[in-house]
Structure formats: structure tokens, C-alpha cells
C-alpha atoms as a PDB file:
ATOM      1  CA  MET A   1     -18.511  15.749  -4.327  1.00  0.00           C
ATOM      2  CA  ALA A   2     -16.247  16.554  -1.395  1.00  0.00           C
ATOM      3  CA  GLN A   3     -17.175  19.707   0.490  1.00  0.00           C
ATOM      4  CA  ARG A   4     -14.735  22.512   1.180  1.00  0.00           C
ATOM      5  CA  ARG A   5     -13.431  22.256   4.746  1.00  0.00           C
ATOM      6  CA  LYS A   6     -12.496  25.217   6.927  1.00  0.00           C
ATOM      7  CA  VAL A   7      -9.255  23.345   7.650  1.00  0.00           C
ATOM      8  CA  GLY A   8      -8.815  20.978   4.706  1.00  0.00           C
ATOM      9  CA  ASN A   9      -5.316  19.630   5.409  1.00  0.00           C
ATOM     10  CA  LEU A  10      -5.603  15.899   6.151  1.00  0.00           C
ATOM     11  CA  LEU A  11      -3.191  16.428   9.032  1.00  0.00           C
ATOM     12  CA  ALA A  12      -6.126  18.228  10.692  1.00  0.00           C
ATOM     13  CA  LEU A  13      -8.173  15.046  10.426  1.00  0.00           C
ATOM     14  CA  ALA A  14      -5.344  13.084  12.042  1.00  0.00           C
ATOM     15  CA  VAL A  15      -5.006  15.659  14.844  1.00  0.00           C
ATOM     16  CA  LEU A  16      -8.726  15.566  15.603  1.00  0.00           C
ATOM     17  CA  SER A  17      -8.640  11.753  15.654  1.00  0.00           C
ATOM     18  CA  ALA A  18      -5.885  11.878  18.293  1.00  0.00           C
ATOM     19  CA  VAL A  19      -7.286  14.653  20.491  1.00  0.00           C
ATOM     20  CA  VAL A  20     -10.756  13.088  20.517  1.00  0.00           C
ATOM     21  CA  GLN A  21      -9.311  10.544  22.998  1.00  0.00           C
ATOM     22  CA  ARG A  22      -7.903  13.059  25.489  1.00  0.00           C
ATOM     23  CA  PRO A  23      -6.460  16.574  25.673  1.00  0.00           C
ATOM     24  CA  MET A  24      -2.811  16.818  24.598  1.00  0.00           C
ATOM     25  CA  HIS A  25      -0.196  19.281  23.438  1.00  0.00           C
ATOM     26  CA  PRO A  26       1.129  19.263  19.838  1.00  0.00           C
ATOM     27  CA  TYR A  27       4.277  17.314  20.747  1.00  0.00           C
ATOM     28  CA  GLU A  28       2.100  14.497  22.133  1.00  0.00           C
ATOM     29  CA  MET A  29      -0.098  14.639  19.024  1.00  0.00           C
ATOM     30  CA  ALA A  30       2.930  14.163  16.761  1.00  0.00           C
ATOM     31  CA  SER A  31       4.272  11.293  18.894  1.00  0.00           C
ATOM     32  CA  ILE A  32       0.952   9.436  18.875  1.00  0.00           C
ATOM     33  CA  LEU A  33       0.344   9.970  15.155  1.00  0.00           C
ATOM     34  CA  ARG A  34       3.852   8.730  14.327  1.00  0.00           C
ATOM     35  CA  GLU A  35       3.369   5.691  16.551  1.00  0.00           C
ATOM     36  CA  ARG A  36       0.125   4.904  14.739  1.00  0.00           C
ATOM     37  CA  GLY A  37       1.836   5.299  11.369  1.00  0.00           C
ATOM     38  CA  LYS A  38      -0.584   7.990  10.221  1.00  0.00           C
ATOM     39  CA  ASP A  39       2.035   9.354   7.839  1.00  0.00           C
ATOM     40  CA  LYS A  40       1.559   6.115   5.872  1.00  0.00           C
ATOM     41  CA  ASP A  41      -2.212   6.562   5.698  1.00  0.00           C
ATOM     42  CA  MET A  42      -2.236  10.155   4.485  1.00  0.00           C
ATOM     43  CA  PRO A  43       0.181  12.852   3.279  1.00  0.00           C
ATOM     44  CA  ILE A  44       1.532  14.559   6.400  1.00  0.00           C
ATOM     45  CA  LYS A  45       4.009  17.432   6.627  1.00  0.00           C
ATOM     46  CA  TRP A  46       5.089  17.446  10.256  1.00  0.00           C
ATOM     47  CA  GLY A  47       6.494  20.970   9.956  1.00  0.00           C
ATOM     48  CA  SER A  48       2.964  22.317   9.500  1.00  0.00           C
ATOM     49  CA  LEU A  49       1.591  20.674  12.673  1.00  0.00           C
ATOM     50  CA  TYR A  50       1.547  23.829  14.804  1.00  0.00           C
ATOM     51  CA  THR A  51      -0.047  25.811  11.957  1.00  0.00           C
ATOM     52  CA  VAL A  52      -2.767  23.174  11.573  1.00  0.00           C
ATOM     53  CA  VAL A  53      -3.410  23.106  15.326  1.00  0.00           C
ATOM     54  CA  GLY A  54      -3.636  26.902  15.295  1.00  0.00           C
ATOM     55  CA  ASN A  55      -6.135  26.827  12.430  1.00  0.00           C
ATOM     56  CA  LEU A  56      -8.238  24.197  14.191  1.00  0.00           C
ATOM     57  CA  GLU A  57      -8.337  26.439  17.259  1.00  0.00           C
ATOM     58  CA  LYS A  58      -9.126  29.500  15.136  1.00  0.00           C
ATOM     59  CA  HIS A  59     -12.177  27.780  13.626  1.00  0.00           C
ATOM     60  CA  GLY A  60     -13.405  26.434  16.943  1.00  0.00           C
ATOM     61  CA  PHE A  61     -12.529  22.774  16.487  1.00  0.00           C
ATOM     62  CA  LEU A  62      -9.918  22.807  19.278  1.00  0.00           C
ATOM     63  CA  GLU A  63      -9.589  24.928  22.375  1.00  0.00           C
ATOM     64  CA  ALA A  64      -6.812  25.499  24.880  1.00  0.00           C
ATOM     65  CA  ALA A  65      -7.414  23.458  28.032  1.00  0.00           C
ATOM     66  CA  GLU A  66      -4.311  24.361  30.038  1.00  0.00           C
ATOM     67  CA  SER A  67      -0.633  25.207  29.811  1.00  0.00           C
ATOM     68  CA  ARG A  68       2.102  22.948  31.162  1.00  0.00           C
ATOM     69  CA  ARG A  69       5.750  23.514  31.902  1.00  0.00           C
ATOM     70  CA  GLU A  70       7.962  20.416  32.259  1.00  0.00           C
ATOM     71  CA  GLY A  71      11.387  21.061  33.740  1.00  0.00           C
ATOM     72  CA  GLY A  72      13.249  23.745  31.848  1.00  0.00           C
ATOM     73  CA  ARG A  73      11.214  23.275  28.679  1.00  0.00           C
ATOM     74  CA  PRO A  74       9.083  26.096  27.238  1.00  0.00           C
ATOM     75  CA  GLU A  75       5.459  26.216  28.330  1.00  0.00           C
ATOM     76  CA  ARG A  76       3.223  23.952  26.260  1.00  0.00           C
ATOM     77  CA  THR A  77      -0.449  24.504  25.551  1.00  0.00           C
ATOM     78  CA  VAL A  78      -2.687  21.475  25.954  1.00  0.00           C
ATOM     79  CA  TYR A  79      -5.623  21.360  23.541  1.00  0.00           C
ATOM     80  CA  ARG A  80      -8.951  19.570  23.788  1.00  0.00           C
ATOM     81  CA  ILE A  81     -11.504  18.911  21.100  1.00  0.00           C
ATOM     82  CA  THR A  82     -14.723  20.940  21.083  1.00  0.00           C
ATOM     83  CA  ASP A  83     -18.232  19.769  20.215  1.00  0.00           C
ATOM     84  CA  ALA A  84     -17.763  21.426  16.812  1.00  0.00           C
ATOM     85  CA  GLY A  85     -14.490  19.534  16.429  1.00  0.00           C
ATOM     86  CA  ARG A  86     -16.163  16.204  17.177  1.00  0.00           C
ATOM     87  CA  ALA A  87     -18.902  16.958  14.649  1.00  0.00           C
ATOM     88  CA  GLU A  88     -16.290  17.955  12.038  1.00  0.00           C
ATOM     89  CA  LEU A  89     -14.281  14.762  12.654  1.00  0.00           C
ATOM     90  CA  VAL A  90     -17.329  12.521  12.256  1.00  0.00           C
ATOM     91  CA  ASP A  91     -18.648  14.373   9.192  1.00  0.00           C
ATOM     92  CA  TRP A  92     -15.215  14.362   7.519  1.00  0.00           C
ATOM     93  CA  ALA A  93     -14.728  10.644   8.160  1.00  0.00           C
ATOM     94  CA  ARG A  94     -18.192   9.895   6.747  1.00  0.00           C
ATOM     95  CA  GLU A  95     -17.394  11.869   3.603  1.00  0.00           C
ATOM     96  CA  LEU A  96     -14.034  10.158   3.057  1.00  0.00           C
ATOM     97  CA  VAL A  97     -15.572   6.705   3.417  1.00  0.00           C
ATOM     98  CA  ALA A  98     -18.634   7.370   1.265  1.00  0.00           C
ATOM     99  CA  THR A  99     -17.400   9.654  -1.533  1.00  0.00           C
ATOM    100  CA  PRO A 100     -15.001   8.327  -4.204  1.00  0.00           C
ATOM    101  CA  GLU A 101     -12.387  10.880  -5.194  1.00  0.00           C
ATOM    102  CA  PRO A 102      -9.762  10.704  -7.975  1.00  0.00           C
ATOM    103  CA  GLU A 103      -6.418   9.777  -6.437  1.00  0.00           C
ATOM    104  CA  GLN A 104      -3.620   9.970  -9.001  1.00  0.00           C
ATOM    105  CA  SER A 105      -0.443   8.026  -8.278  1.00  0.00           C
ATOM    106  CA  ARG A 106       3.091   8.279  -9.632  1.00  0.00           C
ATOM    107  CA  PHE A 107       2.534   4.907 -11.314  1.00  0.00           C
ATOM    108  CA  GLN A 108      -0.548   6.273 -13.067  1.00  0.00           C
ATOM    109  CA  ALA A 109       1.485   9.269 -14.233  1.00  0.00           C
ATOM    110  CA  GLY A 110       4.073   6.911 -15.717  1.00  0.00           C
ATOM    111  CA  LEU A 111       1.411   4.831 -17.426  1.00  0.00           C
ATOM    112  CA  SER A 112      -0.056   7.972 -18.998  1.00  0.00           C
ATOM    113  CA  VAL A 113       3.158   8.423 -21.052  1.00  0.00           C
ATOM    114  CA  LEU A 114       3.963   4.733 -21.502  1.00  0.00           C
ATOM    115  CA  ALA A 115       4.130   5.069 -25.295  1.00  0.00           C
ATOM    116  CA  ILE A 116       7.500   6.855 -25.071  1.00  0.00           C
ATOM    117  CA  ILE A 117       9.125   3.634 -23.817  1.00  0.00           C
ATOM    118  CA  PRO A 118       9.698   0.704 -26.215  1.00  0.00           C
ATOM    119  CA  PRO A 119       7.478  -2.333 -25.470  1.00  0.00           C
ATOM    120  CA  THR A 120      10.475  -4.568 -24.695  1.00  0.00           C
ATOM    121  CA  ASP A 121      11.723  -2.069 -22.109  1.00  0.00           C
ATOM    122  CA  VAL A 122       8.236  -1.801 -20.614  1.00  0.00           C
ATOM    123  CA  ILE A 123       8.218  -5.562 -20.113  1.00  0.00           C
ATOM    124  CA  THR A 124      11.539  -5.395 -18.265  1.00  0.00           C
ATOM    125  CA  LEU A 125      10.403  -2.463 -16.127  1.00  0.00           C
ATOM    126  CA  LEU A 126       7.082  -4.058 -15.206  1.00  0.00           C
ATOM    127  CA  ARG A 127       8.774  -7.339 -14.286  1.00  0.00           C
ATOM    128  CA  GLY A 128      11.068  -5.403 -11.976  1.00  0.00           C
ATOM    129  CA  ARG A 129       8.114  -3.581 -10.425  1.00  0.00           C
ATOM    130  CA  LEU A 130       6.289  -6.881  -9.982  1.00  0.00           C
ATOM    131  CA  ASP A 131       9.283  -8.419  -8.206  1.00  0.00           C
ATOM    132  CA  THR A 132       9.447  -5.433  -5.861  1.00  0.00           C
ATOM    133  CA  LEU A 133       5.708  -5.636  -5.225  1.00  0.00           C
ATOM    134  CA  ALA A 134       5.973  -9.344  -4.434  1.00  0.00           C
ATOM    135  CA  GLY A 135       8.532  -8.619  -1.717  1.00  0.00           C
ATOM    136  CA  GLN A 136       6.461  -5.786  -0.286  1.00  0.00           C
ATOM    137  CA  LEU A 137       3.311  -7.900  -0.298  1.00  0.00           C
ATOM    138  CA  GLU A 138       5.037 -10.725   1.547  1.00  0.00           C
ATOM    139  CA  SER A 139       6.256  -8.298   4.223  1.00  0.00           C
ATOM    140  CA  GLN A 140       2.851  -6.616   4.504  1.00  0.00           C
ATOM    141  CA  ARG A 141       0.984  -9.911   4.851  1.00  0.00           C
ATOM    142  CA  LYS A 142       3.389 -11.037   7.575  1.00  0.00           C
ATOM    143  CA  ALA A 143       3.135  -7.724   9.423  1.00  0.00           C
ATOM    144  CA  LEU A 144      -0.659  -7.739   9.199  1.00  0.00           C
ATOM    145  CA  THR A 145      -0.868 -11.293  10.517  1.00  0.00           C
ATOM    146  CA  GLU A 146       1.395 -10.439  13.458  1.00  0.00           C
ATOM    147  CA  ALA A 147      -0.513  -7.245  14.220  1.00  0.00           C
ATOM    148  CA  ALA A 148      -3.866  -9.026  14.061  1.00  0.00           C
ATOM    149  CA  ALA A 149      -2.792 -11.215  16.963  1.00  0.00           C
ATOM    150  CA  GLU A 150      -2.679  -8.172  19.250  1.00  0.00           C
ATOM    151  CA  ILE A 151      -4.711  -5.398  17.623  1.00  0.00           C
ATOM    152  CA  PRO A 152      -8.477  -5.481  16.903  1.00  0.00           C
ATOM    153  CA  ARG A 153      -9.268  -5.642  13.195  1.00  0.00           C
ATOM    154  CA  LEU A 154     -11.119  -2.326  13.414  1.00  0.00           C
ATOM    155  CA  PHE A 155      -7.762  -0.584  13.807  1.00  0.00           C
ATOM    156  CA  LEU A 156      -6.142  -2.487  10.937  1.00  0.00           C
ATOM    157  CA  ILE A 157      -8.745  -1.755   8.263  1.00  0.00           C
ATOM    158  CA  GLU A 158      -6.590   0.830   6.472  1.00  0.00           C
ATOM    159  CA  THR A 159      -3.717  -1.686   6.350  1.00  0.00           C
ATOM    160  CA  GLU A 160      -6.023  -4.322   4.864  1.00  0.00           C
ATOM    161  CA  TYR A 161      -7.117  -1.811   2.227  1.00  0.00           C
ATOM    162  CA  GLU A 162      -3.548  -0.912   1.289  1.00  0.00           C
ATOM    163  CA  LEU A 163      -2.700  -4.598   0.966  1.00  0.00           C
ATOM    164  CA  ALA A 164      -5.753  -5.223  -1.226  1.00  0.00           C
ATOM    165  CA  ILE A 165      -4.815  -2.300  -3.507  1.00  0.00           C
ATOM    166  CA  ARG A 166      -1.262  -3.602  -3.920  1.00  0.00           C
ATOM    167  CA  GLU A 167      -2.527  -7.119  -4.618  1.00  0.00           C
ATOM    168  CA  ALA A 168      -4.890  -5.727  -7.263  1.00  0.00           C
ATOM    169  CA  GLU A 169      -2.010  -3.774  -8.816  1.00  0.00           C
ATOM    170  CA  ALA A 170       0.158  -6.885  -8.938  1.00  0.00           C
ATOM    171  CA  ALA A 171      -2.655  -8.877 -10.575  1.00  0.00           C
ATOM    172  CA  TRP A 172      -3.199  -6.131 -13.167  1.00  0.00           C
ATOM    173  CA  ILE A 173       0.521  -5.948 -13.989  1.00  0.00           C
ATOM    174  CA  LYS A 174       0.661  -9.731 -14.409  1.00  0.00           C
ATOM    175  CA  ALA A 175      -2.239  -9.593 -16.872  1.00  0.00           C
ATOM    176  CA  LEU A 176      -0.634  -6.721 -18.802  1.00  0.00           C
ATOM    177  CA  LEU A 177       2.701  -8.535 -18.950  1.00  0.00           C
ATOM    178  CA  HIS A 178       0.946 -11.607 -20.334  1.00  0.00           C
ATOM    179  CA  GLU A 179      -0.544  -9.540 -23.170  1.00  0.00           C
ATOM    180  CA  LEU A 180       2.781  -7.868 -23.945  1.00  0.00           C
ATOM    181  CA  THR A 181       4.833 -11.056 -23.914  1.00  0.00           C
ATOM    182  CA  GLU A 182       2.237 -13.065 -25.862  1.00  0.00           C
ATOM    183  CA  GLY A 183       1.801 -10.298 -28.427  1.00  0.00           C
ATOM    184  CA  THR A 184      -1.946  -9.930 -27.829  1.00  0.00           C
ATOM    185  CA  PHE A 185      -1.810  -6.329 -26.600  1.00  0.00           C
ATOM    186  CA  PRO A 186      -3.850  -4.210 -29.079  1.00  0.00           C
ATOM    187  CA  GLY A 187      -1.667  -1.925 -31.203  1.00  0.00           C
ATOM    188  CA  LEU A 188       1.573  -3.547 -30.052  1.00  0.00           C
ATOM    189  CA  GLY A 189       2.967  -3.569 -33.604  1.00  0.00           C
ATOM    190  CA  GLN A 190       2.232   0.135 -34.087  1.00  0.00           C
ATOM    191  CA  TRP A 191       3.790   0.936 -30.742  1.00  0.00           C
ATOM    192  CA  GLN A 192       6.982  -0.917 -31.695  1.00  0.00           C
ATOM    193  CA  ALA A 193       6.981   0.647 -35.165  1.00  0.00           C
ATOM    194  CA  PHE A 194       6.946   4.098 -33.593  1.00  0.00           C
ATOM    195  CA  HIS A 195      10.201   3.285 -31.798  1.00  0.00           C
ATOM    196  CA  ASP A 196      11.722   1.594 -34.855  1.00  0.00           C
ATOM    197  CA  THR A 197      11.002   4.502 -37.207  1.00  0.00           C
ATOM    198  CA  GLY A 198      10.606   7.468 -34.882  1.00  0.00           C
ATOM    199  CA  ARG A 199       7.289   8.266 -36.574  1.00  0.00           C
ATOM    200  CA  LEU A 200       3.808   7.840 -35.146  1.00  0.00           C
ATOM    201  CA  PRO A 201       1.534   5.748 -37.404  1.00  0.00           C
ATOM    202  CA  PRO A 202      -0.977   7.995 -39.249  1.00  0.00           C
ATOM    203  CA  GLU A 203      -3.975   6.317 -37.634  1.00  0.00           C
ATOM    204  CA  LEU A 204      -2.673   7.296 -34.200  1.00  0.00           C
ATOM    205  CA  THR A 205      -1.508  10.830 -34.979  1.00  0.00           C
ATOM    206  CA  GLU A 206      -4.956  12.459 -34.664  1.00  0.00           C
ATOM    207  CA  LEU A 207      -5.672  10.559 -31.450  1.00  0.00           C
ATOM    208  CA  ALA A 208      -2.367  11.671 -29.934  1.00  0.00           C
ATOM    209  CA  GLU A 209      -3.059  15.302 -30.823  1.00  0.00           C
ATOM    210  CA  ARG A 210      -6.538  15.451 -29.339  1.00  0.00           C
ATOM    211  CA  GLY A 211      -5.749  13.257 -26.338  1.00  0.00           C
ATOM    212  CA  SER A 212      -6.999   9.856 -25.297  1.00  0.00           C
ATOM    213  CA  GLU A 213      -8.988  10.706 -22.157  1.00  0.00           C
ATOM    214  CA  PRO A 214     -12.384   8.934 -22.292  1.00  0.00           C
ATOM    215  CA  ARG A 215     -15.280  11.368 -22.672  1.00  0.00           C
END
């Protein structure tokens, strides 16, 4: 089970991963994280950057190294990572890699109420999603191949993972579409009958009332 962090915002993890290389001020942190595409790897709200940096300093993970003034710009504080910050970064990364956590997606939310859509419409919608996925996968494979020519694989691992997840999703959708179009999906007739009559079959009423989450 994931432990409670003093600064649990994943933006804090990204900040520590940037500052571990060298001291920098928040503007530099944001520029580097954007360049690395960290907002694609984790949910990041850029407006909370200064708050996160402040919290990291408050808990001893960052400390002010110096203040700089460039031209007529306001003075900027440069932060460096502390020993506690390095330990937190390593421990947090270890936890994220080793501990599976439930990660609900918008697609999963849609699937959880799939019964409200007629089977024929679901087929159309899933085919459209599959077409979109195919285009995204082609672009991702091309981008990964091009990046691999210049960037060590170690720094592309998260991109490989995202690609693998999307490929698995596409394969799962293909299999589901096959069952729906071939008529082998269990309970397909009852599902269609619900939309034809507006009434849930008696054998499914109790299940719908108590929920279908596996226990």
C-alpha cells in the first residue's frame, strides 16, 4: 500500500527529479519538465508549481541556494535538493515502480455504464475508438523509433509503457468487437431486449440493484 507523503502531489516528484541534476529556480524547473513532456507522464497543474516548491522547502526536501536577478526581472530564488530530498525521491520512485495502485480511466468509467447504450451503438463507438487508437499507435511507434536513435532507452521507458498499454487496449477492444459482432458475447440478447422493451430482464434486476463489483 502506498505510504502517505509529506508532499504527495506528483508534481513534487517531477520537481525533485529535475533539481536532483542541478540547482534551479522554479521557472527553469517548469521549462525543463515541459521539455521532457512530464505533463504526459503524470497529472501536472502548472499553476501549483510555486506552492509545491514551497512545500518541498517547508518539509526540508529543497533549500534555497541563492537569489538571482536577471535584467529588470524580479529576483528569483534558486533551489537545490537536500539529502532528505534525494532520499524522498529515491523512496518515492521505488514505491511507484513496485506497488500496483488502482488507476481509473475515463474509458473504464464509460465501460462501467456500458449497459445504457444499445449493443449496435457500442459496436459503432468501439470501432471509432479503435480507428483513433490505430492512428495514435502509428504516430507513437514512429516517434519512439525516431527518439530511440538519439536518446538512451532508459529515458524512453515510460513511452514504451504507454505504447504497450495502448496496444493492449486496442487488442482487447478488437476481441470485444469480435464477440459483439459474432453474437457470442454472454447476455447479448438480454442487453438488446432491455433497449427494445425498456425493462431490465428479471434475472438481471437483482444483480443491477446490488452491484456487479467482484467480491
